[in-house]
Amino acid sequence: MTSTWRKGETTTPARFTSGYGAAAVHGNTVYFSCKHDIYSYTVPDSKWTKLPSCKYENFSMVAIDGKLTTIGGQEGSISSETNVLLTLTPGRLFGNSWKEVVPPMPTKRIKPAAVTNHTHLVVAGGIEGLVSARDAVEALDTSTLQWFTAKSLPQPVGFPQMTLCGGHISLIVRQYSRVPWKNCSSLVHLLPPTAVMAAPCGLDELTFPCNMAHLY
């Protein structure tokens, strides 16, 4: 069986800029952000829906129990990074707006990596003022809404991506260089999410190995 890429049967309602957008999946619905604007795309009926705009931009985004949550970002100027998480309930007909349901994370940052297994939310890296990268790793227990701090990354990383696959959390980092051919990515593995489940003690073991695999 051969897997191939297939062009979608519908066009996006807005021009998405990948460097400033975010995406999240819940069931058959994919959520996209384009700066302040948020859209949902339902796969079975190929339907686009515009959701209420978010006051922040350059945030990360996850879906937890059907609710959409933005993580960090900035409001206006470059130096206005935030640690606020905003939550929206898609599909709600009345009074649907972004609200601060989850407590702010300890570290302010723009475009951190974020992943959830629905019991915990892990946030890593990100940018401060679009100049300095962050190395902070923090996790939220979604049942108690309590934040815990894990060991820092071996180096600060900006604009990272993180995913949950095969029982492990993986962080992918794009490292930029002035010389084009020196651009590379790093793939770093975390411990299984069970290390997070034992928080706060388990978070002492939540570490990023220093042996990064560079992909050119």
C-alpha atoms as a PDB file:
ATOM      1  CA  MET A   1       0.000   0.000   0.000  1.00  0.00           C
ATOM      2  CA  THR A   2       1.417   3.354  -1.054  1.00  0.00           C
ATOM      3  CA  SER A   3       0.551   6.558   0.777  1.00  0.00           C
ATOM      4  CA  THR A   4       0.284   9.712  -1.304  1.00  0.00           C
ATOM      5  CA  TRP A   5      -0.510  13.352  -0.625  1.00  0.00           C
ATOM      6  CA  ARG A   6      -3.917  14.486  -1.844  1.00  0.00           C
ATOM      7  CA  LYS A   7      -4.972  18.065  -2.431  1.00  0.00           C
ATOM      8  CA  GLY A   8      -7.943  19.096  -0.347  1.00  0.00           C
ATOM      9  CA  GLU A   9     -11.319  19.557  -1.989  1.00  0.00           C
ATOM     10  CA  THR A  10     -11.818  23.001  -0.523  1.00  0.00           C
ATOM     11  CA  THR A  11      -9.843  26.211  -0.235  1.00  0.00           C
ATOM     12  CA  THR A  12      -9.119  28.004   3.011  1.00  0.00           C
ATOM     13  CA  PRO A  13     -11.260  31.045   3.864  1.00  0.00           C
ATOM     14  CA  ALA A  14      -8.114  33.011   4.686  1.00  0.00           C
ATOM     15  CA  ARG A  15      -4.480  33.060   3.653  1.00  0.00           C
ATOM     16  CA  PHE A  16      -2.623  31.266   6.418  1.00  0.00           C
ATOM     17  CA  THR A  17       0.947  32.270   7.243  1.00  0.00           C
ATOM     18  CA  SER A  18       2.681  29.199   8.651  1.00  0.00           C
ATOM     19  CA  GLY A  19       5.241  31.132  10.691  1.00  0.00           C
ATOM     20  CA  TYR A  20       2.536  32.829  12.738  1.00  0.00           C
ATOM     21  CA  GLY A  21      -0.194  30.187  12.804  1.00  0.00           C
ATOM     22  CA  ALA A  22      -1.109  27.257  15.015  1.00  0.00           C
ATOM     23  CA  ALA A  23      -3.182  24.110  14.588  1.00  0.00           C
ATOM     24  CA  ALA A  24      -4.998  21.619  16.816  1.00  0.00           C
ATOM     25  CA  VAL A  25      -7.122  18.512  16.203  1.00  0.00           C
ATOM     26  CA  HIS A  26     -10.150  17.167  18.066  1.00  0.00           C
ATOM     27  CA  GLY A  27     -12.084  14.254  16.585  1.00  0.00           C
ATOM     28  CA  ASN A  28     -12.936  15.037  12.960  1.00  0.00           C
ATOM     29  CA  THR A  29     -12.286  18.754  13.328  1.00  0.00           C
ATOM     30  CA  VAL A  30      -9.049  20.624  12.664  1.00  0.00           C
ATOM     31  CA  TYR A  31      -8.534  24.105  14.078  1.00  0.00           C
ATOM     32  CA  PHE A  32      -6.272  26.696  12.465  1.00  0.00           C
ATOM     33  CA  SER A  33      -5.170  30.142  13.540  1.00  0.00           C
ATOM     34  CA  CYS A  34      -4.077  33.028  11.344  1.00  0.00           C
ATOM     35  CA  LYS A  35      -2.751  35.671  13.742  1.00  0.00           C
ATOM     36  CA  HIS A  36      -5.891  36.715  15.685  1.00  0.00           C
ATOM     37  CA  ASP A  37      -8.371  34.754  13.541  1.00  0.00           C
ATOM     38  CA  ILE A  38      -9.410  31.172  14.317  1.00  0.00           C
ATOM     39  CA  TYR A  39     -11.075  28.750  11.879  1.00  0.00           C
ATOM     40  CA  SER A  40     -12.357  25.199  12.202  1.00  0.00           C
ATOM     41  CA  TYR A  41     -12.507  22.649   9.394  1.00  0.00           C
ATOM     42  CA  THR A  42     -14.809  19.645   9.732  1.00  0.00           C
ATOM     43  CA  VAL A  43     -13.412  16.775   7.669  1.00  0.00           C
ATOM     44  CA  PRO A  44     -16.589  14.718   6.947  1.00  0.00           C
ATOM     45  CA  ASP A  45     -18.497  17.600   5.331  1.00  0.00           C
ATOM     46  CA  SER A  46     -15.505  19.770   4.275  1.00  0.00           C
ATOM     47  CA  LYS A  47     -16.987  22.733   6.095  1.00  0.00           C
ATOM     48  CA  TRP A  48     -15.101  25.843   7.261  1.00  0.00           C
ATOM     49  CA  THR A  49     -16.346  27.885  10.227  1.00  0.00           C
ATOM     50  CA  LYS A  50     -14.904  31.119  11.566  1.00  0.00           C
ATOM     51  CA  LEU A  51     -14.654  31.162  15.352  1.00  0.00           C
ATOM     52  CA  PRO A  52     -14.379  34.214  17.635  1.00  0.00           C
ATOM     53  CA  SER A  53     -11.056  36.010  17.198  1.00  0.00           C
ATOM     54  CA  CYS A  54      -8.406  35.835  19.909  1.00  0.00           C
ATOM     55  CA  LYS A  55      -6.844  38.979  21.348  1.00  0.00           C
ATOM     56  CA  TYR A  56      -3.391  37.374  21.219  1.00  0.00           C
ATOM     57  CA  GLU A  57      -1.334  36.184  18.253  1.00  0.00           C
ATOM     58  CA  ASN A  58       1.774  34.020  17.827  1.00  0.00           C
ATOM     59  CA  PHE A  59       0.373  31.533  20.344  1.00  0.00           C
ATOM     60  CA  SER A  60       0.351  27.746  20.408  1.00  0.00           C
ATOM     61  CA  MET A  61      -2.931  25.842  20.496  1.00  0.00           C
ATOM     62  CA  VAL A  62      -4.263  22.513  21.807  1.00  0.00           C
ATOM     63  CA  ALA A  63      -7.678  20.862  22.143  1.00  0.00           C
ATOM     64  CA  ILE A  64      -8.529  19.330  25.536  1.00  0.00           C
ATOM     65  CA  ASP A  65     -11.858  17.530  26.007  1.00  0.00           C
ATOM     66  CA  GLY A  66     -13.397  19.374  23.079  1.00  0.00           C
ATOM     67  CA  LYS A  67     -12.282  22.797  24.297  1.00  0.00           C
ATOM     68  CA  LEU A  68      -9.764  24.886  22.370  1.00  0.00           C
ATOM     69  CA  THR A  69      -6.960  26.500  24.377  1.00  0.00           C
ATOM     70  CA  THR A  70      -4.362  29.038  23.257  1.00  0.00           C
ATOM     71  CA  ILE A  71      -1.000  29.073  25.037  1.00  0.00           C
ATOM     72  CA  GLY A  72       1.107  32.194  25.409  1.00  0.00           C
ATOM     73  CA  GLY A  73       1.605  34.539  22.470  1.00  0.00           C
ATOM     74  CA  GLN A  74       1.748  38.300  22.298  1.00  0.00           C
ATOM     75  CA  GLU A  75      -0.612  41.247  22.244  1.00  0.00           C
ATOM     76  CA  GLY A  76       0.498  44.066  19.976  1.00  0.00           C
ATOM     77  CA  SER A  77       4.165  44.966  20.391  1.00  0.00           C
ATOM     78  CA  ILE A  78       7.099  42.561  20.200  1.00  0.00           C
ATOM     79  CA  SER A  79       7.831  42.896  23.920  1.00  0.00           C
ATOM     80  CA  SER A  80       4.271  42.040  25.002  1.00  0.00           C
ATOM     81  CA  GLU A  81       4.608  38.266  25.387  1.00  0.00           C
ATOM     82  CA  THR A  82       2.122  36.662  27.743  1.00  0.00           C
ATOM     83  CA  ASN A  83       1.751  33.614  29.966  1.00  0.00           C
ATOM     84  CA  VAL A  84      -2.048  33.609  29.656  1.00  0.00           C
ATOM     85  CA  LEU A  85      -4.044  30.610  28.392  1.00  0.00           C
ATOM     86  CA  LEU A  86      -7.417  31.364  26.786  1.00  0.00           C
ATOM     87  CA  THR A  87     -10.143  28.723  26.340  1.00  0.00           C
ATOM     88  CA  LEU A  88     -13.039  28.535  23.881  1.00  0.00           C
ATOM     89  CA  THR A  89     -15.821  25.944  23.574  1.00  0.00           C
ATOM     90  CA  PRO A  90     -16.431  25.467  19.804  1.00  0.00           C
ATOM     91  CA  GLY A  91     -20.044  24.807  18.828  1.00  0.00           C
ATOM     92  CA  ARG A  92     -21.516  26.772  21.697  1.00  0.00           C
ATOM     93  CA  LEU A  93     -24.250  28.983  20.273  1.00  0.00           C
ATOM     94  CA  PHE A  94     -24.538  31.744  22.872  1.00  0.00           C
ATOM     95  CA  GLY A  95     -22.008  33.607  24.976  1.00  0.00           C
ATOM     96  CA  ASN A  96     -19.120  31.934  23.199  1.00  0.00           C
ATOM     97  CA  SER A  97     -15.923  33.878  23.815  1.00  0.00           C
ATOM     98  CA  TRP A  98     -12.321  33.301  24.859  1.00  0.00           C
ATOM     99  CA  LYS A  99     -12.020  33.054  28.646  1.00  0.00           C
ATOM    100  CA  GLU A 100      -9.213  32.597  31.167  1.00  0.00           C
ATOM    101  CA  VAL A 101     -10.316  29.210  32.510  1.00  0.00           C
ATOM    102  CA  VAL A 102      -6.802  27.796  32.971  1.00  0.00           C
ATOM    103  CA  PRO A 103      -4.351  29.612  35.280  1.00  0.00           C
ATOM    104  CA  PRO A 104      -1.416  31.374  33.589  1.00  0.00           C
ATOM    105  CA  MET A 105       1.733  29.308  33.093  1.00  0.00           C
ATOM    106  CA  PRO A 106       4.816  30.365  35.089  1.00  0.00           C
ATOM    107  CA  THR A 107       6.802  31.585  32.053  1.00  0.00           C
ATOM    108  CA  LYS A 108       5.761  34.217  29.518  1.00  0.00           C
ATOM    109  CA  ARG A 109       6.572  33.168  25.943  1.00  0.00           C
ATOM    110  CA  ILE A 110       5.691  33.426  22.270  1.00  0.00           C
ATOM    111  CA  LYS A 111       5.095  30.296  20.147  1.00  0.00           C
ATOM    112  CA  PRO A 112       6.128  27.602  22.635  1.00  0.00           C
ATOM    113  CA  ALA A 113       5.797  23.910  21.819  1.00  0.00           C
ATOM    114  CA  ALA A 114       2.753  22.315  23.453  1.00  0.00           C
ATOM    115  CA  VAL A 115       1.266  18.832  23.600  1.00  0.00           C
ATOM    116  CA  THR A 116      -1.455  17.184  25.676  1.00  0.00           C
ATOM    117  CA  ASN A 117      -2.542  13.651  26.533  1.00  0.00           C
ATOM    118  CA  HIS A 118      -5.758  15.107  28.024  1.00  0.00           C
ATOM    119  CA  THR A 119      -4.588  14.615  31.620  1.00  0.00           C
ATOM    120  CA  HIS A 120      -1.528  16.841  31.360  1.00  0.00           C
ATOM    121  CA  LEU A 121      -0.418  19.702  29.133  1.00  0.00           C
ATOM    122  CA  VAL A 122       3.338  20.062  28.541  1.00  0.00           C
ATOM    123  CA  VAL A 123       4.786  23.374  27.296  1.00  0.00           C
ATOM    124  CA  ALA A 124       8.440  23.813  26.256  1.00  0.00           C
ATOM    125  CA  GLY A 125      10.679  26.463  24.719  1.00  0.00           C
ATOM    126  CA  GLY A 126       9.393  29.532  22.936  1.00  0.00           C
ATOM    127  CA  ILE A 127      10.515  33.094  22.348  1.00  0.00           C
ATOM    128  CA  GLU A 128      10.865  36.169  24.548  1.00  0.00           C
ATOM    129  CA  GLY A 129      10.278  39.343  22.562  1.00  0.00           C
ATOM    130  CA  LEU A 130      11.071  37.536  19.276  1.00  0.00           C
ATOM    131  CA  VAL A 131      14.739  37.877  20.223  1.00  0.00           C
ATOM    132  CA  SER A 132      15.695  35.453  23.002  1.00  0.00           C
ATOM    133  CA  ALA A 133      14.724  31.782  23.042  1.00  0.00           C
ATOM    134  CA  ARG A 134      13.373  30.054  26.151  1.00  0.00           C
ATOM    135  CA  ASP A 135      14.525  26.773  27.732  1.00  0.00           C
ATOM    136  CA  ALA A 136      11.716  26.443  30.308  1.00  0.00           C
ATOM    137  CA  VAL A 137       9.608  23.247  30.440  1.00  0.00           C
ATOM    138  CA  GLU A 138       6.341  23.329  32.394  1.00  0.00           C
ATOM    139  CA  ALA A 139       3.390  20.962  32.752  1.00  0.00           C
ATOM    140  CA  LEU A 140      -0.217  21.502  33.794  1.00  0.00           C
ATOM    141  CA  ASP A 141      -2.324  18.870  35.540  1.00  0.00           C
ATOM    142  CA  THR A 142      -5.651  19.400  33.752  1.00  0.00           C
ATOM    143  CA  SER A 143      -7.658  17.911  36.626  1.00  0.00           C
ATOM    144  CA  THR A 144      -6.219  20.084  39.411  1.00  0.00           C
ATOM    145  CA  LEU A 145      -5.194  23.012  37.159  1.00  0.00           C
ATOM    146  CA  GLN A 146      -1.841  23.116  38.913  1.00  0.00           C
ATOM    147  CA  TRP A 147       1.412  23.950  37.089  1.00  0.00           C
ATOM    148  CA  PHE A 148       4.678  22.111  37.724  1.00  0.00           C
ATOM    149  CA  THR A 149       8.166  23.009  36.537  1.00  0.00           C
ATOM    150  CA  ALA A 150      10.342  20.359  34.887  1.00  0.00           C
ATOM    151  CA  LYS A 151      14.059  20.396  34.151  1.00  0.00           C
ATOM    152  CA  SER A 152      15.019  22.989  31.541  1.00  0.00           C
ATOM    153  CA  LEU A 153      15.953  22.068  27.978  1.00  0.00           C
ATOM    154  CA  PRO A 154      19.683  21.523  27.335  1.00  0.00           C
ATOM    155  CA  GLN A 155      19.549  24.747  25.310  1.00  0.00           C
ATOM    156  CA  PRO A 156      16.994  27.498  24.639  1.00  0.00           C
ATOM    157  CA  VAL A 157      14.809  26.821  21.579  1.00  0.00           C
ATOM    158  CA  GLY A 158      12.559  29.141  19.599  1.00  0.00           C
ATOM    159  CA  PHE A 159       9.528  28.213  17.457  1.00  0.00           C
ATOM    160  CA  PRO A 160       9.703  24.487  18.367  1.00  0.00           C
ATOM    161  CA  GLN A 161       7.085  21.841  17.576  1.00  0.00           C
ATOM    162  CA  MET A 162       6.112  18.989  19.882  1.00  0.00           C
ATOM    163  CA  THR A 163       4.096  15.815  19.342  1.00  0.00           C
ATOM    164  CA  LEU A 164       2.985  12.718  21.238  1.00  0.00           C
ATOM    165  CA  CYS A 165       3.828   9.510  19.373  1.00  0.00           C
ATOM    166  CA  GLY A 166       4.545   5.956  20.406  1.00  0.00           C
ATOM    167  CA  GLY A 167       4.131   6.768  24.082  1.00  0.00           C
ATOM    168  CA  HIS A 168       6.854   9.425  23.963  1.00  0.00           C
ATOM    169  CA  ILE A 169       6.852  13.196  23.613  1.00  0.00           C
ATOM    170  CA  SER A 170       9.126  14.438  20.842  1.00  0.00           C
ATOM    171  CA  LEU A 171      10.357  17.993  20.347  1.00  0.00           C
ATOM    172  CA  ILE A 172      11.418  19.167  16.885  1.00  0.00           C
ATOM    173  CA  VAL A 173      13.446  22.349  16.661  1.00  0.00           C
ATOM    174  CA  ARG A 174      14.281  24.440  13.642  1.00  0.00           C
ATOM    175  CA  GLN A 175      17.666  26.095  14.132  1.00  0.00           C
ATOM    176  CA  TYR A 176      18.375  28.997  11.820  1.00  0.00           C
ATOM    177  CA  SER A 177      21.706  30.122  10.459  1.00  0.00           C
ATOM    178  CA  ARG A 178      22.823  32.995   8.243  1.00  0.00           C
ATOM    179  CA  VAL A 179      24.314  30.358   5.924  1.00  0.00           C
ATOM    180  CA  PRO A 180      21.365  28.555   4.201  1.00  0.00           C
ATOM    181  CA  TRP A 181      23.016  25.164   3.892  1.00  0.00           C
ATOM    182  CA  LYS A 182      23.728  25.105   7.624  1.00  0.00           C
ATOM    183  CA  ASN A 183      20.034  25.245   8.516  1.00  0.00           C
ATOM    184  CA  CYS A 184      19.086  22.105  10.399  1.00  0.00           C
ATOM    185  CA  SER A 185      16.520  20.568  12.704  1.00  0.00           C
ATOM    186  CA  SER A 186      16.997  18.742  15.995  1.00  0.00           C
ATOM    187  CA  LEU A 187      14.856  15.869  17.229  1.00  0.00           C
ATOM    188  CA  VAL A 188      14.816  15.431  20.994  1.00  0.00           C
ATOM    189  CA  HIS A 189      12.885  12.749  22.899  1.00  0.00           C
ATOM    190  CA  LEU A 190      11.285  13.117  26.305  1.00  0.00           C
ATOM    191  CA  LEU A 191      10.431  10.384  28.755  1.00  0.00           C
ATOM    192  CA  PRO A 192       7.021   8.700  28.349  1.00  0.00           C
ATOM    193  CA  PRO A 193       4.058  10.781  29.593  1.00  0.00           C
ATOM    194  CA  THR A 194       3.851   8.455  32.618  1.00  0.00           C
ATOM    195  CA  ALA A 195       6.742  10.482  34.031  1.00  0.00           C
ATOM    196  CA  VAL A 196       4.439  13.492  33.973  1.00  0.00           C
ATOM    197  CA  MET A 197       1.539  11.605  35.535  1.00  0.00           C
ATOM    198  CA  ALA A 198       3.505  11.227  38.781  1.00  0.00           C
ATOM    199  CA  ALA A 199       3.776  15.011  39.174  1.00  0.00           C
ATOM    200  CA  PRO A 200       5.265  16.737  40.956  1.00  0.00           C
ATOM    201  CA  CYS A 201       7.892  14.085  41.721  1.00  0.00           C
ATOM    202  CA  GLY A 202       7.758  12.605  38.239  1.00  0.00           C
ATOM    203  CA  LEU A 203       8.536  15.956  36.686  1.00  0.00           C
ATOM    204  CA  ASP A 204      11.989  15.853  38.263  1.00  0.00           C
ATOM    205  CA  GLU A 205      12.662  13.044  35.799  1.00  0.00           C
ATOM    206  CA  LEU A 206      11.196  14.865  32.805  1.00  0.00           C
ATOM    207  CA  THR A 207      14.355  15.725  30.903  1.00  0.00           C
ATOM    208  CA  PHE A 208      15.562  16.286  27.373  1.00  0.00           C
ATOM    209  CA  PRO A 209      18.640  14.181  26.508  1.00  0.00           C
ATOM    210  CA  CYS A 210      21.567  16.225  25.271  1.00  0.00           C
ATOM    211  CA  ASN A 211      22.335  13.839  22.384  1.00  0.00           C
ATOM    212  CA  MET A 212      20.381  15.662  19.704  1.00  0.00           C
ATOM    213  CA  ALA A 213      19.982  14.085  16.279  1.00  0.00           C
ATOM    214  CA  HIS A 214      20.529  16.713  13.594  1.00  0.00           C
ATOM    215  CA  LEU A 215      18.543  16.346  10.380  1.00  0.00           C
ATOM    216  CA  TYR A 216      19.977  18.242   7.394  1.00  0.00           C
END
